[in-house]
Structures are given as structure tokens and as C-alpha cells.
């Protein structure tokens, strides 16, 4: 099973950052991030996980699955822009 993100990354390798929703149908964000990270060319691609789950364990699960950072929903737009500045200018 291929995820939406996986197929799009293969088509366009000029992606600078991924916003990954954890609660997706068919394949969740955790598995999608693991599959992205399994490809050497995407090992340093910034991935910001977005999830309605906001417990410490959820944060740890996102990072363990390959997220570079994490934002709980509802997304605070100013915090999102701050994270985009951090990850896009590394």
C-alpha cells in the first residue's frame, strides 16, 4: 500500500518540508513517516507531525516514527510559522 505522501515525494523530489497528519485513512502518519525515513534521500527532510493527540507519549511516538517536530491540533498558526522558519532555514 502506498501513501499519498510517498507517491508525491517520488514524483517531486524538490519538497522542502512535509506537514504530516497522523490520523489518516488507510495508512497512518506514523507508518508513512517510517516509509519516508527508510529512503536515504529523505533522511534529512523536515517532517512536522500534526495530531489531535497532545500527550507526552504522542509526541514521543511521532519523534520515534521519524518526525522532526510535532504540533498538536488545533494548530496554532503562529507556532506553525515559527516551526516552518526553524526547519526551512537549516
Protein backbone atom coordinates (compact mmCIF):
# COMPACT_ATOMS: atom_id res chain seq x y z
CA UNK A 1 0.00 0.00 0.00
CA UNK A 2 1.41 3.40 -1.00
CA UNK A 3 0.51 6.55 0.80
CA UNK A 4 -0.34 9.86 -0.79
CA UNK A 5 2.86 11.41 0.57
CA UNK A 6 5.11 8.59 -0.58
CA UNK A 7 3.88 8.74 -4.17
CA UNK A 8 4.14 12.53 -4.27
CA UNK A 9 7.68 12.52 -2.92
CA UNK A 10 8.68 10.11 -5.66
CA UNK A 11 7.17 12.39 -8.33
CA UNK A 12 8.60 15.65 -6.99
CA UNK A 13 11.89 15.39 -5.14
CA UNK A 14 12.01 19.16 -4.58
CA UNK A 15 9.89 19.06 -1.44
CA UNK A 16 11.37 21.21 1.32
CA UNK A 17 9.15 20.11 4.21
CA UNK A 18 6.24 17.75 4.96
CA UNK A 19 3.26 18.50 7.20
CA UNK A 20 2.15 15.02 8.27
CA UNK A 21 -1.31 14.36 9.65
CA UNK A 22 -1.08 11.38 11.99
CA UNK A 23 -4.73 10.30 11.73
CA UNK A 24 -5.02 9.44 8.03
CA UNK A 25 -7.18 6.75 6.44
CA UNK A 26 -5.60 3.56 5.06
CA UNK A 27 -2.08 4.24 6.38
CA UNK A 28 -1.49 6.40 9.44
CA UNK A 29 1.13 9.13 9.63
CA UNK A 30 3.46 7.02 11.78
CA UNK A 31 3.82 4.37 9.08
CA UNK A 32 4.07 6.98 6.35
CA UNK A 33 6.92 8.74 8.20
CA UNK A 34 8.72 5.42 8.72
CA UNK A 35 8.50 4.73 4.98
CA UNK A 36 9.76 8.21 4.11
CA UNK A 37 12.69 7.87 6.53
CA UNK A 38 13.55 4.44 5.10
CA UNK A 39 14.60 6.20 1.89
CA UNK A 40 18.11 7.60 2.25
CA UNK A 41 17.39 10.66 0.10
CA UNK A 42 14.67 11.78 2.56
CA UNK A 43 16.51 11.10 5.80
CA UNK A 44 17.01 14.83 6.47
CA UNK A 45 13.68 16.04 5.04
CA UNK A 46 11.91 18.00 7.78
CA UNK A 47 8.60 16.42 8.80
CA UNK A 48 6.26 18.23 11.17
CA UNK A 49 3.66 15.87 12.62
CA UNK A 50 0.17 17.27 13.20
CA UNK A 51 -2.14 15.40 15.54
CA UNK A 52 -5.15 15.86 17.76
CA UNK A 53 -3.38 13.72 20.34
CA UNK A 54 -1.42 16.00 22.64
CA UNK A 55 0.02 13.79 25.36
CA UNK A 56 3.76 13.38 26.02
CA UNK A 57 3.61 9.79 24.70
CA UNK A 58 2.07 11.03 21.43
CA UNK A 59 4.96 13.45 20.99
CA UNK A 60 7.46 10.65 21.69
CA UNK A 61 5.69 8.31 19.24
CA UNK A 62 5.84 10.97 16.50
CA UNK A 63 9.54 11.59 17.01
CA UNK A 64 10.28 7.85 17.15
CA UNK A 65 8.43 7.34 13.85
CA UNK A 66 10.58 9.97 12.12
CA UNK A 67 9.02 13.37 12.76
CA UNK A 68 11.41 16.27 13.08
CA UNK A 69 8.90 18.16 15.20
CA UNK A 70 5.31 18.00 16.42
CA UNK A 71 2.28 20.28 16.65
CA UNK A 72 -0.99 19.42 18.40
CA UNK A 73 -4.34 20.29 16.81
CA UNK A 74 -5.96 22.69 16.63
CA UNK A 75 -2.82 24.16 15.09
CA UNK A 76 -1.64 27.49 16.46
CA UNK A 77 -0.77 29.28 13.21
CA UNK A 78 1.92 31.49 14.77
CA UNK A 79 3.59 28.41 16.23
CA UNK A 80 3.36 26.65 12.85
CA UNK A 81 5.04 29.62 11.13
CA UNK A 82 7.72 29.62 13.79
CA UNK A 83 8.44 25.92 13.19
CA UNK A 84 8.47 26.46 9.42
CA UNK A 85 11.11 29.18 9.87
CA UNK A 86 13.18 26.86 12.04
CA UNK A 87 13.07 23.86 9.71
CA UNK A 88 13.18 25.61 6.35
CA UNK A 89 16.28 27.64 7.14
CA UNK A 90 18.53 24.89 8.48
